Protein backbone atom coordinates (compact mmCIF):
# COMPACT_ATOMS: atom_id res chain seq x y z
CA MET A 1 40.98 5.15 -19.51
CA LEU A 2 38.61 2.24 -19.06
CA SER A 3 40.84 0.59 -16.49
CA ALA A 4 40.46 3.60 -14.20
CA CYS A 5 36.72 3.00 -14.03
CA ASN A 6 37.16 -0.59 -12.89
CA GLN A 7 39.10 0.23 -9.73
CA LYS A 8 37.38 -0.47 -6.43
CA ARG A 9 36.45 2.49 -4.36
CA VAL A 10 38.26 2.63 -1.04
CA SER A 11 36.24 3.82 1.93
CA LYS A 12 37.77 5.72 4.81
CA ILE A 13 35.28 4.15 7.22
CA ASP A 14 36.75 1.11 8.95
CA LYS A 15 33.71 0.06 10.92
CA VAL A 16 30.13 1.14 11.00
CA ARG A 17 28.99 1.81 14.53
CA ARG A 18 25.37 1.17 15.30
CA VAL A 19 23.75 3.52 17.77
CA GLU A 20 20.35 2.73 19.18
CA VAL A 21 18.11 5.49 20.38
CA VAL A 22 15.29 4.40 22.59
CA ALA A 23 12.64 6.96 23.38
CA LYS A 24 10.87 6.25 26.63
CA TYR A 25 7.45 7.70 27.12
CA GLU A 26 5.21 7.55 30.11
CA LYS A 27 1.69 6.49 29.25
CA CYS A 28 -0.51 9.56 29.02
CA PRO A 29 -4.10 9.42 30.20
CA ALA A 30 -6.58 8.91 27.38
CA PRO A 31 -10.34 9.38 27.52
CA GLU A 32 -12.76 6.52 27.28
CA LYS A 33 -14.58 6.31 23.98
CA PRO A 34 -18.11 7.62 24.58
CA GLU A 35 -21.15 5.48 23.91
CA LEU A 36 -23.30 7.61 21.70
CA LYS A 37 -27.06 7.23 21.73
CA PRO A 38 -28.54 6.05 18.46
CA LEU A 39 -31.31 8.06 16.86
CA LEU A 40 -34.83 6.74 17.23
CA GLU A 41 -35.77 5.13 13.92
CA GLY A 42 -39.51 5.61 14.28
CA LEU A 43 -39.17 9.38 14.57
CA HIS A 44 -37.97 11.94 12.04
CA LEU A 45 -34.56 13.56 12.43
CA GLY A 46 -36.01 16.88 13.63
CA SER A 47 -38.17 15.35 16.35
CA LYS A 48 -37.64 16.61 19.88
CA GLU A 49 -36.27 13.25 21.05
CA ASN A 50 -33.78 12.88 18.18
CA VAL A 51 -32.63 16.50 18.43
CA ASN A 52 -31.98 15.94 22.15
CA ARG A 53 -29.97 12.81 21.36
CA ILE A 54 -27.96 14.68 18.72
CA MET A 55 -27.20 17.45 21.20
CA GLU A 56 -26.19 14.97 23.93
CA ASN A 57 -23.94 13.14 21.46
CA THR A 58 -22.39 16.45 20.41
CA VAL A 59 -21.53 17.29 24.02
CA GLU A 60 -20.06 13.79 24.51
CA ASN A 61 -18.00 14.12 21.33
CA GLN A 62 -16.68 17.55 22.31
CA ALA A 63 -15.53 16.23 25.68
CA TYR A 64 -13.92 13.22 23.98
CA ILE A 65 -12.08 15.43 21.48
CA LYS A 66 -10.84 17.66 24.30
CA GLY A 67 -9.51 14.58 26.10
CA LEU A 68 -7.79 13.30 22.95
CA LYS A 69 -6.12 16.70 22.45
CA SER A 70 -4.84 16.56 26.03
CA THR A 71 -3.38 13.10 25.37
CA ILE A 72 -1.60 14.36 22.26
CA GLU A 73 -0.26 17.39 24.13
CA CYS A 74 1.05 15.08 26.87
CA TYR A 75 3.06 13.01 24.36
CA GLU A 76 4.24 16.13 22.51
CA PHE A 77 5.49 17.59 25.79
CA GLN A 78 7.42 14.40 26.56
CA SER A 79 9.00 14.35 23.11
CA SER A 80 10.02 18.01 23.25
CA THR A 81 11.65 17.79 26.68
CA GLY A 82 13.31 14.43 26.17
CA GLU A 83 11.82 13.09 29.39
């Protein structure tokens, strides 16, 4: 009974074939990182100047996020079509 456990296992696979899959993607356009305006230290957060800067930064960030989403969609499209 113990001798049966010591036998080598015979594989039906003669050779292992290696297959390389190379995915080629075209570079998708990506937005430039926006330069956000810092808040003015001498003024409180709710001051007119700082609120304006916050609003401008928010608009810049929204445009940047929209551009990043477009970049992701571009790569997702390429991966789904195999092109």
